Amino acid sequence: MELFRSHCYFIFCNLLWSRFKVATLNCLKVCHNDILKRLLGLPRWSISSLAFGRNGVNNLDVIRRHSVFSLKSRVELSVNSSIISVRQSSAYVCGPIQQRWLGLLFVHNVG
């Protein structure tokens, strides 16, 4: 599990991904799930959420939310004048990355 955490938790710059097809992200999730199952010796068709839960491992959605929350918190709390300028710009406030972050951080219940 330590091998999985050290190599699969830190997906390079995942919090900056704003332009991708949903199908591409779904393929990445399948690969992520399959890697864990292989490491555990589970069949590919076994339920991923059980494998993640029983082994105390975060799934890809949780990893991405943690990454986004961490960066967003650091940006919001920064006193660096350059970061403050970016934070106050319309590109930051209304841009595609901000919209993606909000979509990841806030789950909308329907019904």
C-alpha atoms as a PDB file:
ATOM      1  CA  MET A   1       0.000   0.000   0.000  1.00  0.00           C
ATOM      2  CA  GLU A   2       2.912   2.324   0.662  1.00  0.00           C
ATOM      3  CA  LEU A   3       4.095   1.781  -2.917  1.00  0.00           C
ATOM      4  CA  PHE A   4       0.626   2.619  -4.209  1.00  0.00           C
ATOM      5  CA  ARG A   5       0.359   5.747  -2.043  1.00  0.00           C
ATOM      6  CA  SER A   6       3.809   7.039  -2.957  1.00  0.00           C
ATOM      7  CA  HIS A   7       3.379   6.568  -6.697  1.00  0.00           C
ATOM      8  CA  CYS A   8      -0.352   6.939  -7.331  1.00  0.00           C
ATOM      9  CA  TYR A   9      -1.352   9.707  -4.917  1.00  0.00           C
ATOM     10  CA  PHE A  10       0.821  12.371  -6.484  1.00  0.00           C
ATOM     11  CA  ILE A  11      -0.542  12.649  -9.981  1.00  0.00           C
ATOM     12  CA  PHE A  12       1.512  15.506 -11.378  1.00  0.00           C
ATOM     13  CA  CYS A  13      -0.401  18.815 -11.422  1.00  0.00           C
ATOM     14  CA  ASN A  14      -3.802  17.099 -11.361  1.00  0.00           C
ATOM     15  CA  LEU A  15      -5.290  20.126  -9.647  1.00  0.00           C
ATOM     16  CA  LEU A  16      -4.523  22.248 -12.708  1.00  0.00           C
ATOM     17  CA  TRP A  17      -6.308  19.990 -15.159  1.00  0.00           C
ATOM     18  CA  SER A  18      -9.178  21.959 -16.607  1.00  0.00           C
ATOM     19  CA  ARG A  19      -9.318  20.841 -20.222  1.00  0.00           C
ATOM     20  CA  PHE A  20      -9.920  17.171 -20.617  1.00  0.00           C
ATOM     21  CA  LYS A  21     -12.687  14.950 -21.828  1.00  0.00           C
ATOM     22  CA  VAL A  22     -14.753  13.157 -19.217  1.00  0.00           C
ATOM     23  CA  ALA A  23     -13.943   9.912 -21.024  1.00  0.00           C
ATOM     24  CA  THR A  24     -10.218  10.573 -20.521  1.00  0.00           C
ATOM     25  CA  LEU A  25     -10.669  11.076 -16.785  1.00  0.00           C
ATOM     26  CA  ASN A  26     -12.796   7.928 -16.597  1.00  0.00           C
ATOM     27  CA  CYS A  27     -10.012   5.944 -18.302  1.00  0.00           C
ATOM     28  CA  LEU A  28      -7.547   7.300 -15.741  1.00  0.00           C
ATOM     29  CA  LYS A  29      -9.871   6.230 -12.907  1.00  0.00           C
ATOM     30  CA  VAL A  30     -10.122   2.718 -14.350  1.00  0.00           C
ATOM     31  CA  CYS A  31      -6.324   2.496 -14.587  1.00  0.00           C
ATOM     32  CA  HIS A  32      -5.952   3.788 -11.036  1.00  0.00           C
ATOM     33  CA  ASN A  33      -8.443   1.206  -9.758  1.00  0.00           C
ATOM     34  CA  ASP A  34      -6.837  -1.607 -11.754  1.00  0.00           C
ATOM     35  CA  ILE A  35      -3.372  -0.829 -10.350  1.00  0.00           C
ATOM     36  CA  LEU A  36      -4.658  -1.169  -6.782  1.00  0.00           C
ATOM     37  CA  LYS A  37      -6.458  -4.421  -7.571  1.00  0.00           C
ATOM     38  CA  ARG A  38      -3.348  -5.883  -9.188  1.00  0.00           C
ATOM     39  CA  LEU A  39      -1.228  -4.970  -6.173  1.00  0.00           C
ATOM     40  CA  LEU A  40      -3.776  -6.675  -3.923  1.00  0.00           C
ATOM     41  CA  GLY A  41      -4.134  -9.727  -6.173  1.00  0.00           C
ATOM     42  CA  LEU A  42      -7.851  -9.042  -6.711  1.00  0.00           C
ATOM     43  CA  PRO A  43      -9.710  -9.844  -9.920  1.00  0.00           C
ATOM     44  CA  ARG A  44     -10.283  -6.894 -12.234  1.00  0.00           C
ATOM     45  CA  TRP A  45     -14.072  -7.189 -11.875  1.00  0.00           C
ATOM     46  CA  SER A  46     -14.002  -6.886  -8.065  1.00  0.00           C
ATOM     47  CA  ILE A  47     -15.531  -3.796  -6.476  1.00  0.00           C
ATOM     48  CA  SER A  48     -12.995  -0.954  -6.321  1.00  0.00           C
ATOM     49  CA  SER A  49     -14.571   0.933  -3.440  1.00  0.00           C
ATOM     50  CA  LEU A  50     -14.179  -2.094  -1.164  1.00  0.00           C
ATOM     51  CA  ALA A  51     -10.508  -2.457  -2.117  1.00  0.00           C
ATOM     52  CA  PHE A  52      -9.862   1.216  -1.394  1.00  0.00           C
ATOM     53  CA  GLY A  53     -11.846   1.256   1.851  1.00  0.00           C
ATOM     54  CA  ARG A  54     -10.453  -1.956   3.321  1.00  0.00           C
ATOM     55  CA  ASN A  55      -6.889  -0.845   2.680  1.00  0.00           C
ATOM     56  CA  GLY A  56      -7.187   2.773   3.791  1.00  0.00           C
ATOM     57  CA  VAL A  57      -6.357   4.088   0.344  1.00  0.00           C
ATOM     58  CA  ASN A  58      -7.958   7.142  -1.290  1.00  0.00           C
ATOM     59  CA  ASN A  59      -9.593   6.854  -4.688  1.00  0.00           C
ATOM     60  CA  LEU A  60      -8.762   9.242  -7.528  1.00  0.00           C
ATOM     61  CA  ASP A  61     -11.627  11.645  -6.765  1.00  0.00           C
ATOM     62  CA  VAL A  62     -10.477  12.041  -3.148  1.00  0.00           C
ATOM     63  CA  ILE A  63      -6.864  12.527  -4.233  1.00  0.00           C
ATOM     64  CA  ARG A  64      -7.908  15.266  -6.649  1.00  0.00           C
ATOM     65  CA  ARG A  65     -10.118  17.001  -4.043  1.00  0.00           C
ATOM     66  CA  HIS A  66      -7.276  17.012  -1.501  1.00  0.00           C
ATOM     67  CA  SER A  67      -4.865  18.462  -4.074  1.00  0.00           C
ATOM     68  CA  VAL A  68      -7.309  21.186  -5.086  1.00  0.00           C
ATOM     69  CA  PHE A  69      -8.205  22.076  -1.506  1.00  0.00           C
ATOM     70  CA  SER A  70      -4.547  22.287  -0.514  1.00  0.00           C
ATOM     71  CA  LEU A  71      -3.563  24.608  -3.367  1.00  0.00           C
ATOM     72  CA  LYS A  72      -6.721  26.710  -3.144  1.00  0.00           C
ATOM     73  CA  SER A  73      -6.167  27.200   0.595  1.00  0.00           C
ATOM     74  CA  ARG A  74      -2.560  28.279   0.073  1.00  0.00           C
ATOM     75  CA  VAL A  75      -3.579  30.724  -2.677  1.00  0.00           C
ATOM     76  CA  GLU A  76      -6.393  32.196  -0.572  1.00  0.00           C
ATOM     77  CA  LEU A  77      -4.151  32.655   2.482  1.00  0.00           C
ATOM     78  CA  SER A  78      -1.067  33.936   0.673  1.00  0.00           C
ATOM     79  CA  VAL A  79       0.217  37.416   1.458  1.00  0.00           C
ATOM     80  CA  ASN A  80       2.557  37.402  -1.550  1.00  0.00           C
ATOM     81  CA  SER A  81       1.715  40.420  -3.757  1.00  0.00           C
ATOM     82  CA  SER A  82       2.020  38.412  -6.992  1.00  0.00           C
ATOM     83  CA  ILE A  83      -0.336  35.716  -5.695  1.00  0.00           C
ATOM     84  CA  ILE A  84      -2.763  38.373  -4.467  1.00  0.00           C
ATOM     85  CA  SER A  85      -2.794  39.969  -7.954  1.00  0.00           C
ATOM     86  CA  VAL A  86      -3.555  36.628  -9.580  1.00  0.00           C
ATOM     87  CA  ARG A  87      -6.164  35.802  -6.937  1.00  0.00           C
ATOM     88  CA  GLN A  88      -7.977  39.087  -7.631  1.00  0.00           C
ATOM     89  CA  SER A  89      -7.902  38.722 -11.414  1.00  0.00           C
ATOM     90  CA  SER A  90     -10.993  37.743 -13.384  1.00  0.00           C
ATOM     91  CA  ALA A  91      -9.007  34.874 -14.928  1.00  0.00           C
ATOM     92  CA  TYR A  92      -8.658  33.336 -11.468  1.00  0.00           C
ATOM     93  CA  VAL A  93     -12.131  34.184 -10.207  1.00  0.00           C
ATOM     94  CA  CYS A  94     -14.087  33.150 -13.322  1.00  0.00           C
ATOM     95  CA  GLY A  95     -11.640  30.939 -15.211  1.00  0.00           C
ATOM     96  CA  PRO A  96     -12.031  27.274 -16.129  1.00  0.00           C
ATOM     97  CA  ILE A  97      -9.668  26.043 -13.424  1.00  0.00           C
ATOM     98  CA  GLN A  98     -11.650  27.816 -10.692  1.00  0.00           C
ATOM     99  CA  GLN A  99     -14.883  26.363 -12.071  1.00  0.00           C
ATOM    100  CA  ARG A 100     -13.368  22.862 -12.107  1.00  0.00           C
ATOM    101  CA  TRP A 101     -12.121  23.330  -8.536  1.00  0.00           C
ATOM    102  CA  LEU A 102     -15.544  24.379  -7.297  1.00  0.00           C
ATOM    103  CA  GLY A 103     -17.095  21.401  -9.068  1.00  0.00           C
ATOM    104  CA  LEU A 104     -14.661  19.062  -7.310  1.00  0.00           C
ATOM    105  CA  LEU A 105     -14.950  20.623  -3.870  1.00  0.00           C
ATOM    106  CA  PHE A 106     -18.724  21.007  -3.654  1.00  0.00           C
ATOM    107  CA  VAL A 107     -20.967  18.026  -4.277  1.00  0.00           C
ATOM    108  CA  HIS A 108     -24.410  18.980  -5.479  1.00  0.00           C
ATOM    109  CA  ASN A 109     -27.206  16.708  -4.251  1.00  0.00           C
ATOM    110  CA  VAL A 110     -29.976  16.291  -6.774  1.00  0.00           C
ATOM    111  CA  GLY A 111     -33.474  15.464  -5.608  1.00  0.00           C
END
